[in-house]
Amino acid sequence: MKHTEFWAVLDRAFPDGRGRALAQDLVLVDLGNLTAQEALTAGVAPIEIWKAIVAAMDLPQSHVYLHRVDPKDLAKWQVSVTPTR
């Protein structure tokens, strides 16, 4: 996953600026208590950050691959940010 793909998938999963806010505010325990923004700055691979966000937000595991879904196919692919618990 490239940095641009990371930001795009974050915006796709958490639209209207929520993803950007999440990247700044959500502390990811799986990444040593860093936010996504801090982890990117520290050189953590974007895919590892995205996986940590998926886990922290209790999203379906299928969301790990959300960046690979063509935008025109999203209607067929259930995109939900509703926690699974």
PDB file of N, CA and C in Angstrom:
ATOM      1  N   MET A   1       0.848  -1.169   0.000  1.00  0.00           N
ATOM      2  CA  MET A   1       0.000   0.000   0.000  1.00  0.00           C
ATOM      3  C   MET A   1       0.899   1.240   0.000  1.00  0.00           C
ATOM      4  N   LYS A   2       0.598   2.140  -0.922  1.00  0.00           N
ATOM      5  CA  LYS A   2       1.319   3.413  -0.988  1.00  0.00           C
ATOM      6  C   LYS A   2       0.678   4.399  -0.014  1.00  0.00           C
ATOM      7  N   HIS A   3       1.402   5.464   0.282  1.00  0.00           N
ATOM      8  CA  HIS A   3       0.851   6.497   1.164  1.00  0.00           C
ATOM      9  C   HIS A   3      -0.442   7.076   0.587  1.00  0.00           C
ATOM     10  N   THR A   4      -0.467   7.287  -0.714  1.00  0.00           N
ATOM     11  CA  THR A   4      -1.680   7.840  -1.335  1.00  0.00           C
ATOM     12  C   THR A   4      -2.855   6.877  -1.202  1.00  0.00           C
ATOM     13  N   GLU A   5      -2.581   5.575  -1.304  1.00  0.00           N
ATOM     14  CA  GLU A   5      -3.635   4.574  -1.125  1.00  0.00           C
ATOM     15  C   GLU A   5      -4.127   4.561   0.320  1.00  0.00           C
ATOM     16  N   PHE A   6      -3.207   4.757   1.251  1.00  0.00           N
ATOM     17  CA  PHE A   6      -3.591   4.803   2.664  1.00  0.00           C
ATOM     18  C   PHE A   6      -4.585   5.932   2.911  1.00  0.00           C
ATOM     19  N   TRP A   7      -4.248   7.134   2.432  1.00  0.00           N
ATOM     20  CA  TRP A   7      -5.139   8.277   2.657  1.00  0.00           C
ATOM     21  C   TRP A   7      -6.468   8.092   1.920  1.00  0.00           C
ATOM     22  N   ALA A   8      -6.416   7.495   0.744  1.00  0.00           N
ATOM     23  CA  ALA A   8      -7.647   7.266  -0.019  1.00  0.00           C
ATOM     24  C   ALA A   8      -8.556   6.261   0.684  1.00  0.00           C
ATOM     25  N   VAL A   9      -7.991   5.187   1.206  1.00  0.00           N
ATOM     26  CA  VAL A   9      -8.815   4.176   1.876  1.00  0.00           C
ATOM     27  C   VAL A   9      -9.349   4.716   3.200  1.00  0.00           C
ATOM     28  N   LEU A  10      -8.567   5.540   3.861  1.00  0.00           N
ATOM     29  CA  LEU A  10      -9.031   6.160   5.099  1.00  0.00           C
ATOM     30  C   LEU A  10     -10.225   7.064   4.817  1.00  0.00           C
ATOM     31  N   ASP A  11     -10.130   7.838   3.740  1.00  0.00           N
ATOM     32  CA  ASP A  11     -11.246   8.707   3.343  1.00  0.00           C
ATOM     33  C   ASP A  11     -12.458   7.896   2.883  1.00  0.00           C
ATOM     34  N   ARG A  12     -12.205   6.759   2.258  1.00  0.00           N
ATOM     35  CA  ARG A  12     -13.297   5.904   1.778  1.00  0.00           C
ATOM     36  C   ARG A  12     -14.042   5.274   2.955  1.00  0.00           C
ATOM     37  N   ALA A  13     -13.300   4.795   3.924  1.00  0.00           N
ATOM     38  CA  ALA A  13     -13.916   4.124   5.070  1.00  0.00           C
ATOM     39  C   ALA A  13     -14.526   5.102   6.066  1.00  0.00           C
ATOM     40  N   PHE A  14     -13.910   6.276   6.165  1.00  0.00           N
ATOM     41  CA  PHE A  14     -14.363   7.285   7.123  1.00  0.00           C
ATOM     42  C   PHE A  14     -14.479   8.620   6.395  1.00  0.00           C
ATOM     43  N   PRO A  15     -15.565   8.823   5.658  1.00  0.00           N
ATOM     44  CA  PRO A  15     -15.700  10.022   4.813  1.00  0.00           C
ATOM     45  C   PRO A  15     -15.928  11.312   5.609  1.00  0.00           C
ATOM     46  N   ASP A  16     -15.982  12.390   4.862  1.00  0.00           N
ATOM     47  CA  ASP A  16     -16.291  13.714   5.405  1.00  0.00           C
ATOM     48  C   ASP A  16     -15.283  14.181   6.447  1.00  0.00           C
ATOM     49  N   GLY A  17     -14.017  13.848   6.238  1.00  0.00           N
ATOM     50  CA  GLY A  17     -12.965  14.317   7.125  1.00  0.00           C
ATOM     51  C   GLY A  17     -12.756  13.488   8.379  1.00  0.00           C
ATOM     52  N   ARG A  18     -13.632  12.508   8.606  1.00  0.00           N
ATOM     53  CA  ARG A  18     -13.491  11.694   9.816  1.00  0.00           C
ATOM     54  C   ARG A  18     -12.217  10.866   9.793  1.00  0.00           C
ATOM     55  N   GLY A  19     -11.821  10.396   8.605  1.00  0.00           N
ATOM     56  CA  GLY A  19     -10.598   9.604   8.503  1.00  0.00           C
ATOM     57  C   GLY A  19      -9.368  10.409   8.845  1.00  0.00           C
ATOM     58  N   ARG A  20      -9.321  11.639   8.365  1.00  0.00           N
ATOM     59  CA  ARG A  20      -8.177  12.517   8.658  1.00  0.00           C
ATOM     60  C   ARG A  20      -8.106  12.815  10.150  1.00  0.00           C
ATOM     61  N   ALA A  21      -9.261  13.045  10.771  1.00  0.00           N
ATOM     62  CA  ALA A  21      -9.297  13.290  12.214  1.00  0.00           C
ATOM     63  C   ALA A  21      -8.849  12.042  12.974  1.00  0.00           C
ATOM     64  N   LEU A  22      -9.298  10.882  12.498  1.00  0.00           N
ATOM     65  CA  LEU A  22      -8.921   9.620  13.115  1.00  0.00           C
ATOM     66  C   LEU A  22      -7.405   9.422  13.064  1.00  0.00           C
ATOM     67  N   ALA A  23      -6.797   9.760  11.942  1.00  0.00           N
ATOM     68  CA  ALA A  23      -5.351   9.605  11.773  1.00  0.00           C
ATOM     69  C   ALA A  23      -4.575  10.459  12.772  1.00  0.00           C
ATOM     70  N   GLN A  24      -5.142  11.558  13.164  1.00  0.00           N
ATOM     71  CA  GLN A  24      -4.474  12.452  14.114  1.00  0.00           C
ATOM     72  C   GLN A  24      -4.779  12.110  15.563  1.00  0.00           C
ATOM     73  N   ASP A  25      -5.959  11.539  15.823  1.00  0.00           N
ATOM     74  CA  ASP A  25      -6.424  11.403  17.203  1.00  0.00           C
ATOM     75  C   ASP A  25      -6.432   9.985  17.769  1.00  0.00           C
ATOM     76  N   LEU A  26      -6.639   8.983  16.924  1.00  0.00           N
ATOM     77  CA  LEU A  26      -6.758   7.609  17.421  1.00  0.00           C
ATOM     78  C   LEU A  26      -5.383   7.042  17.758  1.00  0.00           C
ATOM     79  N   VAL A  27      -5.177   6.696  19.017  1.00  0.00           N
ATOM     80  CA  VAL A  27      -3.923   6.082  19.452  1.00  0.00           C
ATOM     81  C   VAL A  27      -4.028   4.584  19.193  1.00  0.00           C
ATOM     82  N   LEU A  28      -3.074   4.079  18.429  1.00  0.00           N
ATOM     83  CA  LEU A  28      -3.089   2.674  18.006  1.00  0.00           C
ATOM     84  C   LEU A  28      -2.161   1.849  18.897  1.00  0.00           C
ATOM     85  N   VAL A  29      -2.742   1.082  19.786  1.00  0.00           N
ATOM     86  CA  VAL A  29      -1.978   0.266  20.723  1.00  0.00           C
ATOM     87  C   VAL A  29      -1.079  -0.712  19.969  1.00  0.00           C
ATOM     88  N   ASP A  30      -1.594  -1.273  18.870  1.00  0.00           N
ATOM     89  CA  ASP A  30      -0.820  -2.242  18.082  1.00  0.00           C
ATOM     90  C   ASP A  30       0.446  -1.640  17.488  1.00  0.00           C
ATOM     91  N   LEU A  31       0.524  -0.321  17.447  1.00  0.00           N
ATOM     92  CA  LEU A  31       1.700   0.357  16.880  1.00  0.00           C
ATOM     93  C   LEU A  31       2.478   1.102  17.959  1.00  0.00           C
ATOM     94  N   GLY A  32       2.411   0.606  19.183  1.00  0.00           N
ATOM     95  CA  GLY A  32       3.188   1.214  20.257  1.00  0.00           C
ATOM     96  C   GLY A  32       2.636   2.543  20.732  1.00  0.00           C
ATOM     97  N   ASN A  33       1.320   2.669  20.713  1.00  0.00           N
ATOM     98  CA  ASN A  33       0.641   3.881  21.183  1.00  0.00           C
ATOM     99  C   ASN A  33       0.945   5.113  20.343  1.00  0.00           C
ATOM    100  N   LEU A  34       1.065   4.912  19.050  1.00  0.00           N
ATOM    101  CA  LEU A  34       1.231   6.020  18.109  1.00  0.00           C
ATOM    102  C   LEU A  34      -0.091   6.261  17.397  1.00  0.00           C
ATOM    103  N   THR A  35      -0.296   7.481  16.950  1.00  0.00           N
ATOM    104  CA  THR A  35      -1.416   7.736  16.043  1.00  0.00           C
ATOM    105  C   THR A  35      -0.974   7.313  14.648  1.00  0.00           C
ATOM    106  N   ALA A  36      -1.902   7.238  13.728  1.00  0.00           N
ATOM    107  CA  ALA A  36      -1.548   6.885  12.352  1.00  0.00           C
ATOM    108  C   ALA A  36      -0.575   7.911  11.776  1.00  0.00           C
ATOM    109  N   GLN A  37      -0.822   9.178  12.039  1.00  0.00           N
ATOM    110  CA  GLN A  37       0.058  10.231  11.531  1.00  0.00           C
ATOM    111  C   GLN A  37       1.468  10.084  12.102  1.00  0.00           C
ATOM    112  N   GLU A  38       1.569   9.818  13.393  1.00  0.00           N
ATOM    113  CA  GLU A  38       2.878   9.621  14.021  1.00  0.00           C
ATOM    114  C   GLU A  38       3.570   8.387  13.455  1.00  0.00           C
ATOM    115  N   ALA A  39       2.807   7.326  13.228  1.00  0.00           N
ATOM    116  CA  ALA A  39       3.381   6.094  12.687  1.00  0.00           C
ATOM    117  C   ALA A  39       3.911   6.312  11.274  1.00  0.00           C
ATOM    118  N   LEU A  40       3.166   7.049  10.456  1.00  0.00           N
ATOM    119  CA  LEU A  40       3.650   7.361   9.107  1.00  0.00           C
ATOM    120  C   LEU A  40       4.955   8.141   9.174  1.00  0.00           C
ATOM    121  N   THR A  41       4.998   9.132  10.044  1.00  0.00           N
ATOM    122  CA  THR A  41       6.202   9.951  10.206  1.00  0.00           C
ATOM    123  C   THR A  41       7.377   9.104  10.682  1.00  0.00           C
ATOM    124  N   ALA A  42       7.087   8.096  11.507  1.00  0.00           N
ATOM    125  CA  ALA A  42       8.128   7.213  12.033  1.00  0.00           C
ATOM    126  C   ALA A  42       8.564   6.154  11.032  1.00  0.00           C
ATOM    127  N   GLY A  43       7.906   6.090   9.876  1.00  0.00           N
ATOM    128  CA  GLY A  43       8.305   5.149   8.844  1.00  0.00           C
ATOM    129  C   GLY A  43       7.592   3.808   8.862  1.00  0.00           C
ATOM    130  N   VAL A  44       6.529   3.697   9.628  1.00  0.00           N
ATOM    131  CA  VAL A  44       5.752   2.450   9.642  1.00  0.00           C
ATOM    132  C   VAL A  44       5.042   2.316   8.295  1.00  0.00           C
ATOM    133  N   ALA A  45       5.022   1.104   7.765  1.00  0.00           N
ATOM    134  CA  ALA A  45       4.384   0.849   6.471  1.00  0.00           C
ATOM    135  C   ALA A  45       2.894   1.182   6.543  1.00  0.00           C
ATOM    136  N   PRO A  46       2.381   1.896   5.549  1.00  0.00           N
ATOM    137  CA  PRO A  46       0.963   2.264   5.548  1.00  0.00           C
ATOM    138  C   PRO A  46       0.015   1.078   5.723  1.00  0.00           C
ATOM    139  N   ILE A  47       0.328  -0.067   5.146  1.00  0.00           N
ATOM    140  CA  ILE A  47      -0.554  -1.231   5.284  1.00  0.00           C
ATOM    141  C   ILE A  47      -0.626  -1.689   6.733  1.00  0.00           C
ATOM    142  N   GLU A  48       0.480  -1.591   7.461  1.00  0.00           N
ATOM    143  CA  GLU A  48       0.483  -1.977   8.874  1.00  0.00           C
ATOM    144  C   GLU A  48      -0.356  -1.006   9.698  1.00  0.00           C
ATOM    145  N   ILE A  49      -0.303   0.253   9.340  1.00  0.00           N
ATOM    146  CA  ILE A  49      -1.118   1.263  10.023  1.00  0.00           C
ATOM    147  C   ILE A  49      -2.590   1.008   9.732  1.00  0.00           C
ATOM    148  N   TRP A  50      -2.904   0.743   8.463  1.00  0.00           N
ATOM    149  CA  TRP A  50      -4.293   0.481   8.096  1.00  0.00           C
ATOM    150  C   TRP A  50      -4.823  -0.756   8.825  1.00  0.00           C
ATOM    151  N   LYS A  51      -4.023  -1.810   8.909  1.00  0.00           N
ATOM    152  CA  LYS A  51      -4.441  -3.018   9.636  1.00  0.00           C
ATOM    153  C   LYS A  51      -4.710  -2.696  11.104  1.00  0.00           C
ATOM    154  N   ALA A  52      -3.883  -1.845  11.692  1.00  0.00           N
ATOM    155  CA  ALA A  52      -4.074  -1.456  13.091  1.00  0.00           C
ATOM    156  C   ALA A  52      -5.362  -0.655  13.264  1.00  0.00           C
ATOM    157  N   ILE A  53      -5.680   0.199  12.297  1.00  0.00           N
ATOM    158  CA  ILE A  53      -6.929   0.965  12.350  1.00  0.00           C
ATOM    159  C   ILE A  53      -8.126   0.028  12.223  1.00  0.00           C
ATOM    160  N   VAL A  54      -8.057  -0.902  11.286  1.00  0.00           N
ATOM    161  CA  VAL A  54      -9.146  -1.875  11.109  1.00  0.00           C
ATOM    162  C   VAL A  54      -9.393  -2.616  12.427  1.00  0.00           C
ATOM    163  N   ALA A  55      -8.321  -3.041  13.082  1.00  0.00           N
ATOM    164  CA  ALA A  55      -8.460  -3.761  14.353  1.00  0.00           C
ATOM    165  C   ALA A  55      -8.993  -2.847  15.455  1.00  0.00           C
ATOM    166  N   ALA A  56      -8.433  -1.661  15.566  1.00  0.00           N
ATOM    167  CA  ALA A  56      -8.824  -0.739  16.639  1.00  0.00           C
ATOM    168  C   ALA A  56     -10.274  -0.291  16.517  1.00  0.00           C
ATOM    169  N   MET A  57     -10.735  -0.144  15.292  1.00  0.00           N
ATOM    170  CA  MET A  57     -12.105   0.307  15.063  1.00  0.00           C
ATOM    171  C   MET A  57     -13.083  -0.862  14.956  1.00  0.00           C
ATOM    172  N   ASP A  58     -12.558  -2.085  15.130  1.00  0.00           N
ATOM    173  CA  ASP A  58     -13.378  -3.296  15.103  1.00  0.00           C
ATOM    174  C   ASP A  58     -14.155  -3.429  13.796  1.00  0.00           C
ATOM    175  N   LEU A  59     -13.474  -3.124  12.698  1.00  0.00           N
ATOM    176  CA  LEU A  59     -14.079  -3.266  11.378  1.00  0.00           C
ATOM    177  C   LEU A  59     -13.950  -4.713  10.916  1.00  0.00           C
ATOM    178  N   PRO A  60     -14.784  -5.140   9.990  1.00  0.00           N
ATOM    179  CA  PRO A  60     -14.642  -6.492   9.442  1.00  0.00           C
ATOM    180  C   PRO A  60     -13.250  -6.673   8.826  1.00  0.00           C
ATOM    181  N   GLN A  61     -12.705  -7.848   8.969  1.00  0.00           N
ATOM    182  CA  GLN A  61     -11.362  -8.133   8.455  1.00  0.00           C
ATOM    183  C   GLN A  61     -11.253  -7.856   6.956  1.00  0.00           C
ATOM    184  N   SER A  62     -12.350  -7.962   6.239  1.00  0.00           N
ATOM    185  CA  SER A  62     -12.331  -7.693   4.799  1.00  0.00           C
ATOM    186  C   SER A  62     -11.916  -6.255   4.491  1.00  0.00           C
ATOM    187  N   HIS A  63     -12.057  -5.356   5.445  1.00  0.00           N
ATOM    188  CA  HIS A  63     -11.673  -3.960   5.222  1.00  0.00           C
ATOM    189  C   HIS A  63     -10.164  -3.784   5.044  1.00  0.00           C
ATOM    190  N   VAL A  64      -9.392  -4.780   5.454  1.00  0.00           N
ATOM    191  CA  VAL A  64      -7.944  -4.710   5.232  1.00  0.00           C
ATOM    192  C   VAL A  64      -7.658  -4.533   3.741  1.00  0.00           C
ATOM    193  N   TYR A  65      -8.529  -5.065   2.901  1.00  0.00           N
ATOM    194  CA  TYR A  65      -8.318  -5.028   1.454  1.00  0.00           C
ATOM    195  C   TYR A  65      -9.150  -3.959   0.754  1.00  0.00           C
ATOM    196  N   LEU A  66      -9.746  -3.070   1.498  1.00  0.00           N
ATOM    197  CA  LEU A  66     -10.615  -2.045   0.922  1.00  0.00           C
ATOM    198  C   LEU A  66      -9.896  -1.184  -0.115  1.00  0.00           C
ATOM    199  N   HIS A  67      -8.607  -0.982   0.053  1.00  0.00           N
ATOM    200  CA  HIS A  67      -7.856  -0.157  -0.905  1.00  0.00           C
ATOM    201  C   HIS A  67      -7.722  -0.826  -2.272  1.00  0.00           C
ATOM    202  N   ARG A  68      -8.006  -2.117  -2.345  1.00  0.00           N
ATOM    203  CA  ARG A  68      -7.907  -2.843  -3.616  1.00  0.00           C
ATOM    204  C   ARG A  68      -9.230  -2.889  -4.381  1.00  0.00           C
ATOM    205  N   VAL A  69     -10.290  -2.410  -3.762  1.00  0.00           N
ATOM    206  CA  VAL A  69     -11.606  -2.436  -4.395  1.00  0.00           C
ATOM    207  C   VAL A  69     -11.752  -1.214  -5.288  1.00  0.00           C
ATOM    208  N   ASP A  70     -12.105  -1.456  -6.542  1.00  0.00           N
ATOM    209  CA  ASP A  70     -12.323  -0.366  -7.491  1.00  0.00           C
ATOM    210  C   ASP A  70     -13.513   0.461  -7.018  1.00  0.00           C
ATOM    211  N   PRO A  71     -13.396   1.791  -7.015  1.00  0.00           N
ATOM    212  CA  PRO A  71     -14.498   2.637  -6.541  1.00  0.00           C
ATOM    213  C   PRO A  71     -15.839   2.342  -7.206  1.00  0.00           C
ATOM    214  N   LYS A  72     -15.829   1.974  -8.478  1.00  0.00           N
ATOM    215  CA  LYS A  72     -17.099   1.690  -9.157  1.00  0.00           C
ATOM    216  C   LYS A  72     -17.722   0.374  -8.692  1.00  0.00           C
ATOM    217  N   ASP A  73     -16.954  -0.451  -7.995  1.00  0.00           N
ATOM    218  CA  ASP A  73     -17.475  -1.711  -7.480  1.00  0.00           C
ATOM    219  C   ASP A  73     -17.923  -1.617  -6.021  1.00  0.00           C
ATOM    220  N   LEU A  74     -17.798  -0.460  -5.415  1.00  0.00           N
ATOM    221  CA  LEU A  74     -18.138  -0.320  -4.001  1.00  0.00           C
ATOM    222  C   LEU A  74     -19.601  -0.622  -3.712  1.00  0.00           C
ATOM    223  N   ALA A  75     -20.478  -0.313  -4.638  1.00  0.00           N
ATOM    224  CA  ALA A  75     -21.901  -0.579  -4.417  1.00  0.00           C
ATOM    225  C   ALA A  75     -22.150  -2.076  -4.223  1.00  0.00           C
ATOM    226  N   LYS A  76     -21.360  -2.903  -4.900  1.00  0.00           N
ATOM    227  CA  LYS A  76     -21.500  -4.352  -4.782  1.00  0.00           C
ATOM    228  C   LYS A  76     -20.808  -4.887  -3.531  1.00  0.00           C
ATOM    229  N   TRP A  77     -19.847  -4.111  -3.041  1.00  0.00           N
ATOM    230  CA  TRP A  77     -19.012  -4.532  -1.919  1.00  0.00           C
ATOM    231  C   TRP A  77     -19.468  -3.773  -0.695  1.00  0.00           C
ATOM    232  N   GLN A  78     -19.862  -4.466   0.341  1.00  0.00           N
ATOM    233  CA  GLN A  78     -20.402  -3.783   1.510  1.00  0.00           C
ATOM    234  C   GLN A  78     -19.299  -3.016   2.226  1.00  0.00           C
ATOM    235  N   VAL A  79     -19.411  -1.689   2.214  1.00  0.00           N
ATOM    236  CA  VAL A  79     -18.475  -0.828   2.934  1.00  0.00           C
ATOM    237  C   VAL A  79     -19.227  -0.263   4.123  1.00  0.00           C
ATOM    238  N   SER A  80     -18.748  -0.601   5.287  1.00  0.00           N
ATOM    239  CA  SER A  80     -19.407  -0.137   6.499  1.00  0.00           C
ATOM    240  C   SER A  80     -18.372   0.161   7.558  1.00  0.00           C
ATOM    241  N   VAL A  81     -18.555   1.270   8.244  1.00  0.00           N
ATOM    242  CA  VAL A  81     -17.662   1.580   9.349  1.00  0.00           C
ATOM    243  C   VAL A  81     -18.329   1.261  10.682  1.00  0.00           C
ATOM    244  N   THR A  82     -19.412   0.501  10.635  1.00  0.00           N
ATOM    245  CA  THR A  82     -20.088   0.093  11.852  1.00  0.00           C
ATOM    246  C   THR A  82     -19.292  -1.033  12.496  1.00  0.00           C
ATOM    247  N   PRO A  83     -18.902  -0.873  13.763  1.00  0.00           N
ATOM    248  CA  PRO A  83     -18.152  -1.943  14.431  1.00  0.00           C
ATOM    249  C   PRO A  83     -18.930  -3.252  14.414  1.00  0.00           C
ATOM    250  N   THR A  84     -18.204  -4.358  14.408  1.00  0.00           N
ATOM    251  CA  THR A  84     -18.824  -5.677  14.328  1.00  0.00           C
ATOM    252  C   THR A  84     -19.265  -6.194  15.684  1.00  0.00           C
ATOM    253  N   ARG A  85     -18.862  -5.568  16.743  1.00  0.00           N
ATOM    254  CA  ARG A  85     -19.266  -6.028  18.079  1.00  0.00           C
ATOM    255  C   ARG A  85     -20.631  -5.560  18.424  1.00  0.00           C
TER     256      ARG A  85
END
